[in-house]
Amino acid sequence: MTKENNQNNLKQIIDNLLLINLFTVIFFAIFFVFAIIMRLNGIFIFIDFIQSVWNPLVVPLITILILGAQFLGLLPVQLFSY
């Protein structure tokens, strides 16, 4: 029973981290569209911010999101039966 409880706790932690990651990626996508619109209006500060955080922050977030989705898709279904 303890092993099953530990698996459920680990699954819950991974699910929460991936959920936070998903909403962070969505936020940056919306902010990117906003920055493009502001750049077209002549305000460059938002697109400069996106360019400064793209490689160190956004690319790893997207990579973790994609790898997490693939990993969860490869896990056996028995781990997710409640």
C-alpha atoms as a PDB file:
ATOM      1  CA  MET A   1       0.000   0.000   0.000  1.00  0.00           C
ATOM      2  CA  THR A   2       2.886   2.373   0.717  1.00  0.00           C
ATOM      3  CA  LYS A   3       4.368   1.852  -2.741  1.00  0.00           C
ATOM      4  CA  GLU A   4       1.027   2.674  -4.358  1.00  0.00           C
ATOM      5  CA  ASN A   5       0.670   5.745  -2.135  1.00  0.00           C
ATOM      6  CA  ASN A   6       4.170   6.912  -3.084  1.00  0.00           C
ATOM      7  CA  GLN A   7       3.356   6.483  -6.787  1.00  0.00           C
ATOM      8  CA  ASN A   8       0.192   8.538  -6.385  1.00  0.00           C
ATOM      9  CA  ASN A   9       2.117  11.267  -4.531  1.00  0.00           C
ATOM     10  CA  LEU A  10       4.801  11.336  -7.213  1.00  0.00           C
ATOM     11  CA  LYS A  11       2.180  11.460  -9.952  1.00  0.00           C
ATOM     12  CA  GLN A  12       0.423  14.337  -8.181  1.00  0.00           C
ATOM     13  CA  ILE A  13       3.671  16.298  -7.874  1.00  0.00           C
ATOM     14  CA  ILE A  14       4.524  15.760 -11.555  1.00  0.00           C
ATOM     15  CA  ASP A  15       0.985  16.709 -12.603  1.00  0.00           C
ATOM     16  CA  ASN A  16       1.136  19.930 -10.586  1.00  0.00           C
ATOM     17  CA  LEU A  17       4.530  20.900 -11.997  1.00  0.00           C
ATOM     18  CA  LEU A  18       3.395  20.229 -15.566  1.00  0.00           C
ATOM     19  CA  LEU A  19       0.212  22.215 -14.980  1.00  0.00           C
ATOM     20  CA  ILE A  20       2.190  25.203 -13.699  1.00  0.00           C
ATOM     21  CA  ASN A  21       4.506  24.803 -16.697  1.00  0.00           C
ATOM     22  CA  LEU A  22       1.541  24.750 -19.095  1.00  0.00           C
ATOM     23  CA  PHE A  23       0.044  27.954 -17.742  1.00  0.00           C
ATOM     24  CA  THR A  24       3.455  29.650 -17.786  1.00  0.00           C
ATOM     25  CA  VAL A  25       3.903  28.736 -21.461  1.00  0.00           C
ATOM     26  CA  ILE A  26       0.390  30.010 -22.233  1.00  0.00           C
ATOM     27  CA  PHE A  27       1.177  33.268 -20.417  1.00  0.00           C
ATOM     28  CA  PHE A  28       4.372  33.767 -22.438  1.00  0.00           C
ATOM     29  CA  ALA A  29       2.516  32.995 -25.685  1.00  0.00           C
ATOM     30  CA  ILE A  30      -0.109  35.644 -24.918  1.00  0.00           C
ATOM     31  CA  PHE A  31       2.605  38.079 -23.852  1.00  0.00           C
ATOM     32  CA  PHE A  32       4.483  37.372 -27.107  1.00  0.00           C
ATOM     33  CA  VAL A  33       1.398  38.245 -29.182  1.00  0.00           C
ATOM     34  CA  PHE A  34       0.968  41.403 -27.094  1.00  0.00           C
ATOM     35  CA  ALA A  35       4.646  42.300 -27.659  1.00  0.00           C
ATOM     36  CA  ILE A  36       4.271  41.856 -31.418  1.00  0.00           C
ATOM     37  CA  ILE A  37       1.213  44.130 -31.461  1.00  0.00           C
ATOM     38  CA  MET A  38       3.032  46.747 -29.389  1.00  0.00           C
ATOM     39  CA  ARG A  39       6.064  46.507 -31.686  1.00  0.00           C
ATOM     40  CA  LEU A  40       3.832  47.239 -34.674  1.00  0.00           C
ATOM     41  CA  ASN A  41       2.676  50.341 -32.796  1.00  0.00           C
ATOM     42  CA  GLY A  42       6.260  51.494 -32.230  1.00  0.00           C
ATOM     43  CA  ILE A  43       6.806  50.385 -28.620  1.00  0.00           C
ATOM     44  CA  PHE A  44       9.809  48.055 -28.479  1.00  0.00           C
ATOM     45  CA  ILE A  45      10.250  47.438 -24.727  1.00  0.00           C
ATOM     46  CA  PHE A  46       8.006  44.340 -24.627  1.00  0.00           C
ATOM     47  CA  ILE A  47       9.610  42.604 -27.600  1.00  0.00           C
ATOM     48  CA  ASP A  48      13.040  43.382 -26.130  1.00  0.00           C
ATOM     49  CA  PHE A  49      11.985  41.688 -22.902  1.00  0.00           C
ATOM     50  CA  ILE A  50      10.734  38.605 -24.796  1.00  0.00           C
ATOM     51  CA  GLN A  51      14.015  38.433 -26.714  1.00  0.00           C
ATOM     52  CA  SER A  52      16.018  38.614 -23.491  1.00  0.00           C
ATOM     53  CA  VAL A  53      14.131  35.765 -21.761  1.00  0.00           C
ATOM     54  CA  TRP A  54      13.486  33.567 -24.795  1.00  0.00           C
ATOM     55  CA  ASN A  55      16.548  31.288 -24.699  1.00  0.00           C
ATOM     56  CA  PRO A  56      17.152  31.058 -20.952  1.00  0.00           C
ATOM     57  CA  LEU A  57      13.500  30.686 -19.889  1.00  0.00           C
ATOM     58  CA  VAL A  58      10.886  30.096 -22.590  1.00  0.00           C
ATOM     59  CA  VAL A  59      12.708  27.456 -24.646  1.00  0.00           C
ATOM     60  CA  PRO A  60      13.319  25.179 -21.603  1.00  0.00           C
ATOM     61  CA  LEU A  61       9.687  25.633 -20.499  1.00  0.00           C
ATOM     62  CA  ILE A  62       8.426  24.543 -23.911  1.00  0.00           C
ATOM     63  CA  THR A  63      10.887  21.629 -23.945  1.00  0.00           C
ATOM     64  CA  ILE A  64       9.737  20.427 -20.511  1.00  0.00           C
ATOM     65  CA  LEU A  65       6.110  20.713 -21.617  1.00  0.00           C
ATOM     66  CA  ILE A  66       6.658  18.627 -24.752  1.00  0.00           C
ATOM     67  CA  LEU A  67       8.813  16.014 -23.006  1.00  0.00           C
ATOM     68  CA  GLY A  68       6.326  15.755 -20.134  1.00  0.00           C
ATOM     69  CA  ALA A  69       3.451  15.169 -22.517  1.00  0.00           C
ATOM     70  CA  GLN A  70       5.412  12.492 -24.359  1.00  0.00           C
ATOM     71  CA  PHE A  71       6.507  10.824 -21.117  1.00  0.00           C
ATOM     72  CA  LEU A  72       2.964  10.719 -19.755  1.00  0.00           C
ATOM     73  CA  GLY A  73       1.776   9.301 -23.064  1.00  0.00           C
ATOM     74  CA  LEU A  74       4.260   6.433 -22.824  1.00  0.00           C
ATOM     75  CA  LEU A  75       3.468   5.441 -19.232  1.00  0.00           C
ATOM     76  CA  PRO A  76       1.271   2.414 -18.681  1.00  0.00           C
ATOM     77  CA  VAL A  77      -2.391   3.168 -18.088  1.00  0.00           C
ATOM     78  CA  GLN A  78      -2.352   1.254 -14.766  1.00  0.00           C
ATOM     79  CA  LEU A  79      -0.478   4.083 -13.054  1.00  0.00           C
ATOM     80  CA  PHE A  80      -3.333   6.473 -13.729  1.00  0.00           C
ATOM     81  CA  SER A  81      -6.271   4.334 -12.615  1.00  0.00           C
ATOM     82  CA  TYR A  82      -7.856   5.740  -9.501  1.00  0.00           C
END
